[in-house]
Amino acid sequence: MPFPDDATGSASHKSRRKRAAMLGHDMRAAISDILGGLALSDLSSLDPDSRRQLQRVESAAEQLARLTDETLALVTGETEKRGAPAHHSRLGPFLSRISARWQAHAEERGLGFRLELGEDLPGTIGTDAAALERILSNLISNAVKYSGAGTVTLRVHMGPKEALCLHVIDTGPGFSDAAISQLFEFAGRPADNSIPGTGLGLHIVRELSQRIRGQLQVENVRGGGAKVSLVLPRTAWAPGVEAPGRFDDLPDLSGCPVLLAEDNETNQLLIRQMLETLGADCTLVSDGQAAAEALETGQYGLALIDIEMPRLSGIDVIRRLRTGQGPCNSIPVLAVTAFVLSANRDQIYAAGADGILAKPIMSLEAFGEAISRVLSKRVCRGCGPRVREDAPFDRVHLDRLLALAGPDRGLELLTRMREDFHTVRKGLEEGCTKGDTAMIRARTHVLISLAGAIGNESLLARAEQLNGAARRQMPVDYISLCPPVMRQIGVLCDALSAEAASRYGELAS
């Protein structure tokens, strides 16, 4: 049960909440060391069995990190933040990690484990990867538990209407009539079941499937065994359909001078390796005082600041940076921390951080996405190009808008959208020429909405950068950002006219 709210809870409850937050920090830090050490290890020289066991440990540690977050949220009363950006996952590596983990489990019980992949699978999915991993882990765990011999199979393929289908098939006795009647119920195990267990697995699977908008199907296989299927409609798995992500590609930090302030040696090696993979020129300091002094030079385009450091905390480093004078106080800052509860986040953002990256760092993709979001808010001087040029519009988004408008008003919608983009472009040109930041902010506010509606993620990111530069009264930034934004708008207007001509035989005026 969560603790009472701070406003009404007793002192002892507040003390327990604080202690839970501190324990959560130390738990995440320990898991971060495990994952960091595994990520930095060269497993290629190991024999296949040893390599597989370490991959299994890595996969389990990643899931433990996610479960730690969820458990702490329940214990402390934290609520899940709605509307948070979706985290895209590469499906192939995700399934390979699942396979590596459960192959070892199956072999321990004398079973085989097989991963069967269809040829037309998507490269990236927008589904909550933590929830999907828990679903598959529970299903595979049950399959391994009930199969006395044979092979457990995870089969993934595309079904009708672009549905993503994931099947877990075992060679056990199948579901009895008693089990079917209580399927998915809390602790819904038949009384005569002789195999140890609580019966919570399928109940958890059902709740998680509903969370990610999936459909569960259960059947007994002819000849023996059971098959449990998770079917994800396109709207549940496709990136950008219902919960659009903004950064599909890793950011390009070529030539960008980055300051990394981190005192843990494992994290130093891991984060530095990731930054160099992205092309950054990385300078490392290991305490807060050294970080503050380095930032005062104004030579860095991006800073990654650990919150818990000796001599000076990361929050004090960020606060000192933001209250300083000169161009250095506008450096994009990504805070790195094992404290993830809302009170900690609020304190870090209040100090002036542009984003927060929680330890342990789960992947290069998550690391790159966190940096991309920070760089969408502030201009990084010295960095190479970051924003990928999208197609002028996403056809799924445009088709949906035209469907909502109806067959008789499609041309009117395209014409109005083109006029709105033209008005925004004219206003931005005037605002940048006159240095009118209020006009720039007003026009970029409209542009953010328009670019999001048609799925142009790079224009959306640039509009947010431009809006932030105008809000901070930074002429150097907004003057440099205006030309590429206006060029993109021009390309988009031409594309809308061509689309109107193609669909309706008329140009959008």
Protein backbone atom coordinates (compact mmCIF):
# COMPACT_ATOMS: atom_id res chain seq x y z
CA MET A 1 0.00 0.00 0.00
CA PRO A 2 1.39 3.45 -0.85
CA PHE A 3 2.30 5.83 1.94
CA PRO A 4 -0.12 8.66 2.80
CA ASP A 5 0.27 11.98 1.05
CA ASP A 6 2.97 14.22 2.53
CA ALA A 7 0.40 16.86 3.40
CA THR A 8 -1.56 14.56 5.70
CA GLY A 9 0.80 11.67 6.48
CA SER A 10 2.54 11.30 9.81
CA ALA A 11 6.22 12.01 10.37
CA SER A 12 6.95 8.29 10.43
CA HIS A 13 5.30 7.81 7.04
CA LYS A 14 7.31 10.71 5.61
CA SER A 15 10.45 9.14 7.03
CA ARG A 16 9.58 5.80 5.42
CA ARG A 17 8.93 7.50 2.09
CA LYS A 18 12.31 9.20 2.25
CA ARG A 19 13.99 5.93 3.20
CA ALA A 20 12.28 4.14 0.29
CA ALA A 21 13.57 6.80 -2.11
CA MET A 22 17.10 6.41 -0.76
CA LEU A 23 16.93 2.62 -0.98
CA GLY A 24 15.64 2.96 -4.54
CA HIS A 25 18.63 5.14 -5.40
CA ASP A 26 21.08 2.55 -4.06
CA MET A 27 19.24 -0.32 -5.76
CA ARG A 28 19.37 1.45 -9.12
CA ALA A 29 23.04 2.31 -8.62
CA ALA A 30 23.87 -1.35 -7.91
CA ILE A 31 21.92 -2.57 -10.94
CA SER A 32 23.62 0.15 -13.01
CA ASP A 33 27.03 -1.28 -12.05
CA ILE A 34 25.92 -4.77 -13.08
CA LEU A 35 24.59 -3.63 -16.44
CA GLY A 36 27.49 -1.28 -17.05
CA GLY A 37 30.04 -3.98 -16.29
CA LEU A 38 28.32 -6.41 -18.65
CA ALA A 39 28.03 -3.79 -21.39
CA LEU A 40 31.76 -3.06 -21.18
CA SER A 41 32.76 -6.74 -21.14
CA ASP A 42 33.93 -8.49 -24.29
CA LEU A 43 31.87 -11.67 -24.35
CA SER A 44 33.13 -12.80 -27.76
CA SER A 45 36.12 -14.66 -26.27
CA LEU A 46 33.93 -16.78 -24.00
CA ASP A 47 32.67 -20.22 -24.82
CA PRO A 48 29.04 -20.32 -26.02
CA ASP A 49 27.63 -21.60 -22.71
CA SER A 50 29.36 -18.90 -20.62
CA ARG A 51 28.36 -16.19 -23.07
CA ARG A 52 24.75 -17.35 -23.01
CA GLN A 53 24.68 -17.35 -19.19
CA LEU A 54 26.00 -13.76 -19.03
CA GLN A 55 23.48 -12.64 -21.64
CA ARG A 56 20.81 -14.22 -19.46
CA VAL A 57 22.10 -12.26 -16.43
CA GLU A 58 22.07 -9.03 -18.45
CA SER A 59 18.50 -9.57 -19.62
CA ALA A 60 17.35 -10.38 -16.07
CA ALA A 61 19.13 -7.29 -14.69
CA GLU A 62 17.40 -5.07 -17.24
CA GLN A 63 14.03 -6.44 -16.22
CA LEU A 64 14.95 -6.07 -12.54
CA ALA A 65 15.65 -2.38 -13.14
CA ARG A 66 12.20 -1.88 -14.65
CA LEU A 67 10.49 -3.83 -11.89
CA THR A 68 12.39 -1.81 -9.27
CA ASP A 69 10.91 1.39 -10.70
CA GLU A 70 7.41 -0.02 -10.67
CA THR A 71 7.74 -1.41 -7.13
CA LEU A 72 9.08 1.87 -5.77
CA ALA A 73 6.23 3.73 -7.44
CA LEU A 74 3.75 1.51 -5.61
CA VAL A 75 5.55 1.75 -2.27
CA THR A 76 5.96 5.53 -2.30
CA GLY A 77 2.63 6.38 -3.90
CA GLU A 78 4.15 7.71 -7.12
CA THR A 79 1.71 7.62 -10.03
CA GLU A 80 2.56 6.71 -13.58
CA LYS A 81 3.00 9.80 -15.74
CA ARG A 82 0.54 9.83 -18.61
CA GLY A 83 1.34 11.36 -21.95
CA ALA A 84 5.04 10.61 -21.70
CA PRO A 85 6.80 10.16 -25.04
CA ALA A 86 6.82 6.63 -26.34
CA HIS A 87 10.12 4.74 -26.27
CA HIS A 88 10.69 2.86 -29.52
CA SER A 89 12.41 -0.51 -29.43
CA ARG A 90 14.20 -2.46 -32.13
CA LEU A 91 12.25 -5.67 -32.39
CA GLY A 92 15.06 -7.97 -33.54
CA PRO A 93 17.50 -7.25 -30.67
CA PHE A 94 14.60 -7.28 -28.19
CA LEU A 95 13.54 -10.80 -29.24
CA SER A 96 17.16 -11.98 -29.29
CA ARG A 97 17.58 -10.92 -25.65
CA ILE A 98 14.39 -12.79 -24.72
CA SER A 99 15.64 -15.88 -26.52
CA ALA A 100 19.10 -15.76 -24.90
CA ARG A 101 17.59 -15.53 -21.44
CA TRP A 102 15.03 -18.30 -21.78
CA GLN A 103 17.14 -20.70 -23.78
CA ALA A 104 19.32 -21.15 -20.70
CA HIS A 105 16.25 -21.71 -18.49
CA ALA A 106 14.90 -24.34 -20.88
CA GLU A 107 18.19 -26.18 -21.14
CA GLU A 108 18.43 -26.42 -17.35
CA ARG A 109 15.18 -28.45 -17.46
CA GLY A 110 16.27 -30.60 -20.38
CA LEU A 111 14.11 -28.70 -22.90
CA GLY A 112 14.82 -27.04 -26.19
CA PHE A 113 13.96 -23.40 -26.91
CA ARG A 114 13.34 -22.11 -30.40
CA LEU A 115 12.76 -18.57 -31.71
CA GLU A 116 10.92 -18.51 -35.05
CA LEU A 117 10.72 -15.15 -36.84
CA GLY A 118 8.64 -14.22 -39.86
CA GLU A 119 10.35 -12.52 -42.78
CA ASP A 120 8.18 -9.37 -42.79
CA LEU A 121 8.58 -8.19 -39.19
CA PRO A 122 8.89 -4.45 -38.51
CA GLY A 123 12.32 -3.19 -37.52
CA THR A 124 10.99 -0.95 -34.76
CA ILE A 125 7.93 -1.10 -32.51
CA GLY A 126 6.37 1.59 -30.34
CA THR A 127 5.00 -0.81 -27.70
CA ASP A 128 6.03 -0.51 -24.04
CA ALA A 129 9.03 -2.85 -24.12
CA ALA A 130 9.01 -3.43 -20.35
CA ALA A 131 5.38 -4.59 -20.40
CA LEU A 132 5.95 -6.77 -23.46
CA GLU A 133 8.99 -8.40 -21.86
CA ARG A 134 7.00 -9.18 -18.70
CA ILE A 135 4.21 -10.72 -20.77
CA LEU A 136 6.58 -12.96 -22.71
CA SER A 137 8.57 -13.87 -19.60
CA ASN A 138 5.45 -15.03 -17.78
CA LEU A 139 4.18 -17.00 -20.76
CA ILE A 140 7.53 -18.66 -21.45
CA SER A 141 8.04 -19.39 -17.75
CA ASN A 142 4.70 -21.23 -17.67
CA ALA A 143 5.55 -23.12 -20.86
CA VAL A 144 8.92 -24.24 -19.46
CA LYS A 145 7.33 -25.21 -16.13
CA TYR A 146 4.62 -27.42 -17.69
CA SER A 147 6.66 -29.03 -20.47
CA GLY A 148 8.20 -32.25 -19.21
CA ALA A 149 10.05 -32.79 -22.48
CA GLY A 150 10.30 -31.36 -25.98
CA THR A 151 10.67 -27.76 -27.07
CA VAL A 152 9.20 -24.38 -26.14
CA THR A 153 8.75 -22.12 -29.15
CA LEU A 154 8.39 -18.35 -29.41
CA ARG A 155 6.94 -17.68 -32.86
CA VAL A 156 6.60 -14.07 -34.11
CA HIS A 157 5.05 -13.08 -37.41
CA MET A 158 2.73 -10.59 -39.08
CA GLY A 159 -0.94 -11.49 -39.18
CA PRO A 160 -3.96 -10.09 -41.06
CA LYS A 161 -4.34 -6.30 -41.20
CA GLU A 162 -0.69 -5.82 -40.13
CA ALA A 163 -1.23 -7.31 -36.67
CA LEU A 164 1.94 -8.36 -34.84
CA CYS A 165 1.42 -11.90 -33.52
CA LEU A 166 3.55 -13.45 -30.76
CA HIS A 167 2.85 -17.11 -29.90
CA VAL A 168 4.33 -19.15 -27.05
CA ILE A 169 3.89 -22.86 -27.80
CA ASP A 170 4.79 -25.69 -25.43
CA THR A 171 4.75 -29.48 -25.48
CA GLY A 172 3.10 -29.95 -22.08
CA PRO A 173 -0.32 -31.41 -21.22
CA GLY A 174 -2.29 -28.33 -22.33
CA PHE A 175 -4.98 -26.53 -20.33
CA SER A 176 -7.46 -28.66 -18.40
CA ASP A 177 -11.15 -27.75 -18.33
CA ALA A 178 -10.71 -26.55 -14.73
CA ALA A 179 -7.78 -24.34 -15.72
CA ILE A 180 -9.66 -22.86 -18.68
CA SER A 181 -12.62 -21.96 -16.43
CA GLN A 182 -10.36 -19.93 -14.10
CA LEU A 183 -7.97 -18.59 -16.71
CA PHE A 184 -6.56 -15.09 -15.99
CA GLU A 185 -8.24 -14.89 -12.57
CA PHE A 186 -6.15 -13.70 -9.62
CA ALA A 187 -4.45 -16.83 -8.21
CA GLY A 188 -6.69 -18.83 -10.53
CA ARG A 189 -5.09 -22.25 -10.24
CA PRO A 190 -7.19 -25.41 -10.07
CA ALA A 191 -7.11 -26.99 -6.61
CA ASP A 192 -5.83 -30.30 -7.96
CA ASN A 193 -2.81 -28.80 -9.76
CA SER A 194 0.28 -30.64 -8.50
CA ILE A 195 2.88 -28.31 -10.07
CA PRO A 196 4.18 -25.60 -7.68
CA GLY A 197 3.11 -22.05 -8.39
CA THR A 198 0.79 -19.21 -7.39
CA GLY A 199 -1.33 -18.88 -10.51
CA LEU A 200 -0.47 -15.17 -10.84
CA GLY A 201 1.39 -15.43 -14.15
CA LEU A 202 -1.57 -15.37 -16.53
CA HIS A 203 -3.36 -12.79 -14.39
CA ILE A 204 -0.34 -10.49 -14.79
CA VAL A 205 -0.26 -11.23 -18.52
CA ARG A 206 -3.91 -10.27 -18.89
CA GLU A 207 -3.46 -6.92 -17.11
CA LEU A 208 -0.33 -6.04 -19.05
CA SER A 209 -1.94 -7.02 -22.36
CA GLN A 210 -4.82 -4.66 -21.68
CA ARG A 211 -2.33 -1.92 -20.86
CA ILE A 212 -0.64 -2.20 -24.27
CA ARG A 213 -3.96 -2.76 -26.12
CA GLY A 214 -3.16 -6.36 -27.05
CA GLN A 215 -5.51 -9.33 -27.40
CA LEU A 216 -4.84 -12.70 -25.74
CA GLN A 217 -5.81 -16.03 -27.28
CA VAL A 218 -5.45 -19.42 -25.55
CA GLU A 219 -5.84 -22.86 -27.12
CA ASN A 220 -4.71 -26.44 -26.74
CA VAL A 221 -2.57 -27.77 -29.56
CA ARG A 222 -3.72 -30.89 -31.35
CA GLY A 223 -1.42 -33.72 -30.37
CA GLY A 224 -0.45 -32.15 -27.04
CA GLY A 225 0.67 -28.84 -25.66
CA ALA A 226 -0.73 -25.35 -25.33
CA LYS A 227 -0.48 -22.17 -27.37
CA VAL A 228 -0.93 -18.70 -25.88
CA SER A 229 -0.95 -15.85 -28.36
CA LEU A 230 -0.59 -12.09 -27.95
CA VAL A 231 -1.99 -10.21 -30.94
CA LEU A 232 -1.04 -6.53 -31.23
CA PRO A 233 -3.08 -4.55 -33.78
CA ARG A 234 -1.17 -2.04 -35.84
CA THR A 235 -2.43 0.76 -33.60
CA ALA A 236 -0.81 -0.97 -30.63
CA TRP A 237 2.66 -1.65 -32.05
CA ALA A 238 3.34 0.75 -34.94
CA PRO A 239 5.59 3.69 -34.03
CA GLY A 240 3.88 7.04 -34.55
CA VAL A 241 0.30 5.77 -35.02
CA GLU A 242 -1.17 6.60 -31.63
CA ALA A 243 1.83 7.58 -29.55
CA PRO A 244 4.28 9.18 -32.00
CA GLY A 245 7.93 9.08 -31.12
CA ARG A 246 10.12 11.94 -32.15
CA PHE A 247 13.63 10.59 -32.53
CA ASP A 248 13.96 7.39 -34.52
CA ASP A 249 17.67 7.91 -35.28
CA LEU A 250 20.62 8.42 -32.96
CA PRO A 251 21.79 12.03 -32.68
CA ASP A 252 24.92 13.08 -34.53
CA LEU A 253 27.34 14.69 -32.06
CA SER A 254 30.24 14.88 -34.51
CA GLY A 255 32.65 17.57 -33.34
CA CYS A 256 30.51 18.46 -30.31
CA PRO A 257 32.61 19.14 -27.17
CA VAL A 258 30.78 17.34 -24.35
CA LEU A 259 31.54 17.54 -20.64
CA LEU A 260 30.82 14.37 -18.68
CA ALA A 261 30.74 14.82 -14.89
CA GLU A 262 30.51 11.38 -13.25
CA ASP A 263 32.36 9.88 -10.27
CA ASN A 264 31.55 6.18 -10.77
CA GLU A 265 34.25 4.49 -12.84
CA THR A 266 31.92 1.97 -14.49
CA ASN A 267 29.51 4.70 -15.54
CA GLN A 268 32.42 6.85 -16.73
CA LEU A 269 33.56 4.12 -19.10
CA LEU A 270 30.06 3.25 -20.30
CA ILE A 271 28.82 6.81 -20.90
CA ARG A 272 32.07 7.94 -22.46
CA GLN A 273 31.94 4.96 -24.83
CA MET A 274 28.38 5.88 -25.82
CA LEU A 275 29.26 9.54 -26.36
CA GLU A 276 32.22 8.62 -28.56
CA THR A 277 29.99 6.23 -30.52
CA LEU A 278 27.78 9.25 -31.28
CA GLY A 279 30.86 11.18 -32.45
CA ALA A 280 31.31 13.51 -29.48
CA ASP A 281 34.62 14.89 -28.17
CA CYS A 282 34.30 13.92 -24.50
CA THR A 283 36.01 15.56 -21.53
CA LEU A 284 35.69 13.71 -18.22
CA VAL A 285 35.66 15.14 -14.70
CA SER A 286 34.91 13.14 -11.57
CA ASP A 287 33.59 15.67 -9.03
CA GLY A 288 31.16 18.59 -8.91
CA GLN A 289 33.69 21.35 -8.24
CA ALA A 290 35.75 20.33 -11.27
CA ALA A 291 32.55 20.25 -13.36
CA ALA A 292 31.56 23.77 -12.31
CA GLU A 293 35.01 25.13 -13.12
CA ALA A 294 35.09 23.38 -16.51
CA LEU A 295 31.66 24.76 -17.47
CA GLU A 296 32.74 28.32 -16.64
CA THR A 297 35.13 28.20 -19.61
CA GLY A 298 32.17 28.18 -22.00
CA GLN A 299 33.88 25.74 -24.36
CA TYR A 300 31.31 22.91 -24.17
CA GLY A 301 28.25 22.40 -26.33
CA LEU A 302 26.58 19.83 -24.06
CA ALA A 303 26.97 18.71 -20.45
CA LEU A 304 26.02 15.40 -18.80
CA ILE A 305 25.98 15.92 -15.03
CA ASP A 306 25.69 13.19 -12.42
CA ILE A 307 23.54 14.39 -9.51
CA GLU A 308 25.44 12.57 -6.73
CA MET A 309 29.08 13.74 -6.81
CA PRO A 310 31.74 14.67 -4.23
CA ARG A 311 32.66 18.28 -3.34
CA LEU A 312 29.63 19.76 -5.13
CA SER A 313 26.34 18.09 -6.02
CA GLY A 314 25.09 17.95 -9.58
CA ILE A 315 22.10 20.12 -8.64
CA ASP A 316 24.47 22.82 -7.32
CA VAL A 317 26.58 22.55 -10.49
CA ILE A 318 23.53 23.06 -12.71
CA ARG A 319 22.17 25.88 -10.55
CA ARG A 320 25.52 27.70 -10.62
CA LEU A 321 25.70 27.28 -14.40
CA ARG A 322 22.22 28.71 -14.99
CA THR A 323 22.74 31.71 -12.73
CA GLY A 324 26.11 32.59 -14.27
CA GLN A 325 26.81 35.23 -16.87
CA GLY A 326 27.67 34.89 -20.55
CA PRO A 327 26.88 32.28 -23.21
CA CYS A 328 27.91 29.33 -21.02
CA ASN A 329 24.68 29.52 -19.01
CA SER A 330 22.64 28.32 -22.01
CA ILE A 331 24.52 25.02 -22.46
CA PRO A 332 22.11 22.06 -22.81
CA VAL A 333 22.30 19.92 -19.65
CA LEU A 334 21.28 16.29 -19.23
CA ALA A 335 21.15 15.19 -15.58
CA VAL A 336 22.14 11.57 -14.90
CA THR A 337 20.75 10.10 -11.71
CA ALA A 338 19.52 7.02 -9.89
CA PHE A 339 16.92 9.17 -8.10
CA VAL A 340 13.78 8.94 -10.26
CA LEU A 341 10.83 9.87 -8.02
CA SER A 342 8.85 13.01 -8.80
CA ALA A 343 10.23 15.11 -5.92
CA ASN A 344 13.78 14.42 -7.15
CA ARG A 345 12.83 15.17 -10.76
CA ASP A 346 11.17 18.45 -9.75
CA GLN A 347 14.27 19.53 -7.85
CA ILE A 348 16.56 18.70 -10.77
CA TYR A 349 14.41 20.55 -13.30
CA ALA A 350 14.06 23.53 -10.94
CA ALA A 351 17.86 23.79 -10.88
CA GLY A 352 17.84 24.20 -14.67
CA ALA A 353 18.38 20.76 -16.20
CA ASP A 354 16.89 20.23 -19.67
CA GLY A 355 16.37 16.49 -19.24
CA ILE A 356 16.93 13.54 -16.92
CA LEU A 357 18.50 10.19 -17.78
CA ALA A 358 17.77 7.50 -15.19
CA LYS A 359 20.39 4.97 -14.17
CA PRO A 360 20.91 2.25 -15.14
CA ILE A 361 21.25 3.26 -18.79
CA MET A 362 19.49 0.44 -20.63
CA SER A 363 20.75 0.90 -24.19
CA LEU A 364 22.48 3.20 -26.67
CA GLU A 365 19.06 3.92 -28.17
CA ALA A 366 17.67 5.15 -24.82
CA PHE A 367 20.83 7.18 -24.26
CA GLY A 368 20.61 8.77 -27.71
CA GLU A 369 16.92 9.51 -27.32
CA ALA A 370 17.51 11.31 -24.00
CA ILE A 371 20.19 13.48 -25.61
CA SER A 372 17.97 14.20 -28.61
CA ARG A 373 15.18 15.44 -26.35
CA VAL A 374 17.58 17.76 -24.53
CA LEU A 375 18.90 19.11 -27.82
CA SER A 376 15.34 19.79 -29.00
CA LYS A 377 15.08 22.36 -26.20
CA ARG A 378 18.42 24.16 -26.50
CA VAL A 379 20.87 24.77 -29.32
CA CYS A 380 24.14 22.89 -28.92
CA ARG A 381 26.95 25.09 -30.27
CA GLY A 382 29.66 23.09 -31.99
CA CYS A 383 27.51 20.01 -32.58
CA GLY A 384 27.02 18.48 -35.97
CA PRO A 385 23.58 18.11 -37.55
CA ARG A 386 21.09 16.48 -35.20
CA VAL A 387 17.71 16.65 -36.83
CA ARG A 388 16.91 14.16 -39.56
CA GLU A 389 15.02 15.64 -42.50
CA ASP A 390 11.68 13.88 -42.63
CA ALA A 391 9.39 13.56 -45.60
CA PRO A 392 7.16 16.68 -45.71
CA PHE A 393 4.34 14.74 -44.05
CA ASP A 394 3.58 11.28 -42.72
CA ARG A 395 1.03 9.65 -44.98
CA VAL A 396 -0.68 7.81 -42.10
CA HIS A 397 -1.22 11.11 -40.29
CA LEU A 398 -2.48 12.88 -43.41
CA ASP A 399 -4.83 10.04 -44.35
CA ARG A 400 -6.31 10.12 -40.86
CA LEU A 401 -6.89 13.89 -41.04
CA LEU A 402 -8.55 13.63 -44.44
CA ALA A 403 -10.72 10.75 -43.24
CA LEU A 404 -11.89 12.85 -40.29
CA ALA A 405 -12.60 15.79 -42.58
CA GLY A 406 -14.81 13.65 -44.83
CA PRO A 407 -14.74 13.12 -48.61
CA ASP A 408 -16.31 16.51 -49.40
CA ARG A 409 -13.92 18.64 -47.39
CA GLY A 410 -10.52 17.09 -48.11
CA LEU A 411 -9.44 19.79 -50.57
CA GLU A 412 -10.63 22.48 -48.18
CA LEU A 413 -8.53 20.93 -45.39
CA LEU A 414 -5.36 20.79 -47.52
CA THR A 415 -5.91 24.38 -48.67
CA ARG A 416 -6.41 25.63 -45.13
CA MET A 417 -3.34 23.78 -43.86
CA ARG A 418 -1.22 25.29 -46.61
CA GLU A 419 -2.52 28.77 -45.74
CA ASP A 420 -1.74 28.21 -42.06
CA PHE A 421 1.82 27.12 -42.82
CA HIS A 422 2.27 30.14 -45.12
CA THR A 423 1.05 32.48 -42.35
CA VAL A 424 3.47 30.92 -39.86
CA ARG A 425 6.37 31.27 -42.28
CA LYS A 426 5.61 34.92 -42.95
CA GLY A 427 5.34 35.64 -39.21
CA LEU A 428 8.63 33.89 -38.43
CA GLU A 429 10.43 35.85 -41.13
CA GLU A 430 9.08 39.12 -39.77
CA GLY A 431 9.76 38.16 -36.14
CA CYS A 432 13.37 37.17 -36.80
CA THR A 433 14.01 40.32 -38.85
CA LYS A 434 12.62 42.62 -36.14
CA GLY A 435 13.86 40.59 -33.19
CA ASP A 436 10.26 40.24 -32.02
CA THR A 437 10.50 37.20 -29.73
CA ALA A 438 6.80 37.38 -28.81
CA MET A 439 5.87 36.94 -32.48
CA ILE A 440 8.35 34.08 -32.89
CA ARG A 441 6.92 32.31 -29.86
CA ALA A 442 3.35 32.76 -31.10
CA ARG A 443 4.11 31.47 -34.59
CA THR A 444 6.20 28.50 -33.37
CA HIS A 445 3.37 27.56 -31.00
CA VAL A 446 1.10 27.17 -34.04
CA LEU A 447 3.86 25.44 -36.01
CA ILE A 448 4.41 22.83 -33.29
CA SER A 449 0.73 21.88 -33.49
CA LEU A 450 0.66 21.80 -37.30
CA ALA A 451 3.90 19.82 -37.68
CA GLY A 452 2.73 17.28 -35.10
CA ALA A 453 -0.64 16.87 -36.82
CA ILE A 454 0.95 15.85 -40.11
CA GLY A 455 3.78 13.81 -38.56
CA ASN A 456 6.79 15.92 -39.63
CA GLU A 457 8.99 15.11 -36.63
CA SER A 458 12.11 17.04 -37.71
CA LEU A 459 10.11 20.24 -38.31
CA LEU A 460 8.42 19.71 -34.95
CA ALA A 461 11.81 19.37 -33.21
CA ARG A 462 13.17 22.51 -34.89
CA ALA A 463 10.02 24.45 -34.01
CA GLU A 464 10.48 23.50 -30.35
CA GLN A 465 14.13 24.58 -30.48
CA LEU A 466 13.16 27.90 -32.03
CA ASN A 467 10.40 28.46 -29.47
CA GLY A 468 12.85 27.80 -26.63
CA ALA A 469 15.46 30.16 -28.08
CA ALA A 470 12.85 32.96 -28.36
CA ARG A 471 11.61 32.28 -24.83
CA ARG A 472 15.17 32.61 -23.48
CA GLN A 473 15.77 35.79 -25.51
CA MET A 474 18.79 34.28 -27.32
CA PRO A 475 19.14 36.14 -30.67
CA VAL A 476 22.15 34.08 -31.79
CA ASP A 477 20.09 30.91 -31.48
CA TYR A 478 16.79 31.97 -33.02
CA ILE A 479 18.43 33.84 -35.90
CA SER A 480 20.38 30.69 -36.84
CA LEU A 481 17.32 28.44 -36.48
CA CYS A 482 14.85 30.51 -38.52
CA PRO A 483 16.23 29.88 -42.06
CA PRO A 484 16.09 26.02 -41.98
CA VAL A 485 12.61 26.15 -40.42
CA MET A 486 11.29 28.49 -43.12
CA ARG A 487 12.93 26.36 -45.82
CA GLN A 488 11.19 23.24 -44.48
CA ILE A 489 7.85 25.06 -44.40
CA GLY A 490 8.30 26.03 -48.05
CA VAL A 491 8.97 22.42 -49.03
CA LEU A 492 5.92 21.35 -47.05
CA CYS A 493 3.62 23.88 -48.72
CA ASP A 494 4.71 22.66 -52.15
CA ALA A 495 4.10 19.05 -51.08
CA LEU A 496 0.57 19.88 -49.88
CA SER A 497 -0.23 21.54 -53.22
CA ALA A 498 1.04 18.47 -55.08
CA GLU A 499 -1.03 16.20 -52.82
CA ALA A 500 -4.17 18.24 -53.53
CA ALA A 501 -3.55 18.01 -57.26
CA SER A 502 -2.97 14.26 -57.03
CA ARG A 503 -6.05 13.52 -54.90
CA TYR A 504 -8.57 16.09 -56.14
CA GLY A 505 -7.23 17.32 -59.47
CA GLU A 506 -6.83 20.84 -58.08
CA LEU A 507 -3.98 22.78 -56.51
CA ALA A 508 -4.26 24.02 -52.94
CA SER A 509 -4.39 27.78 -53.43
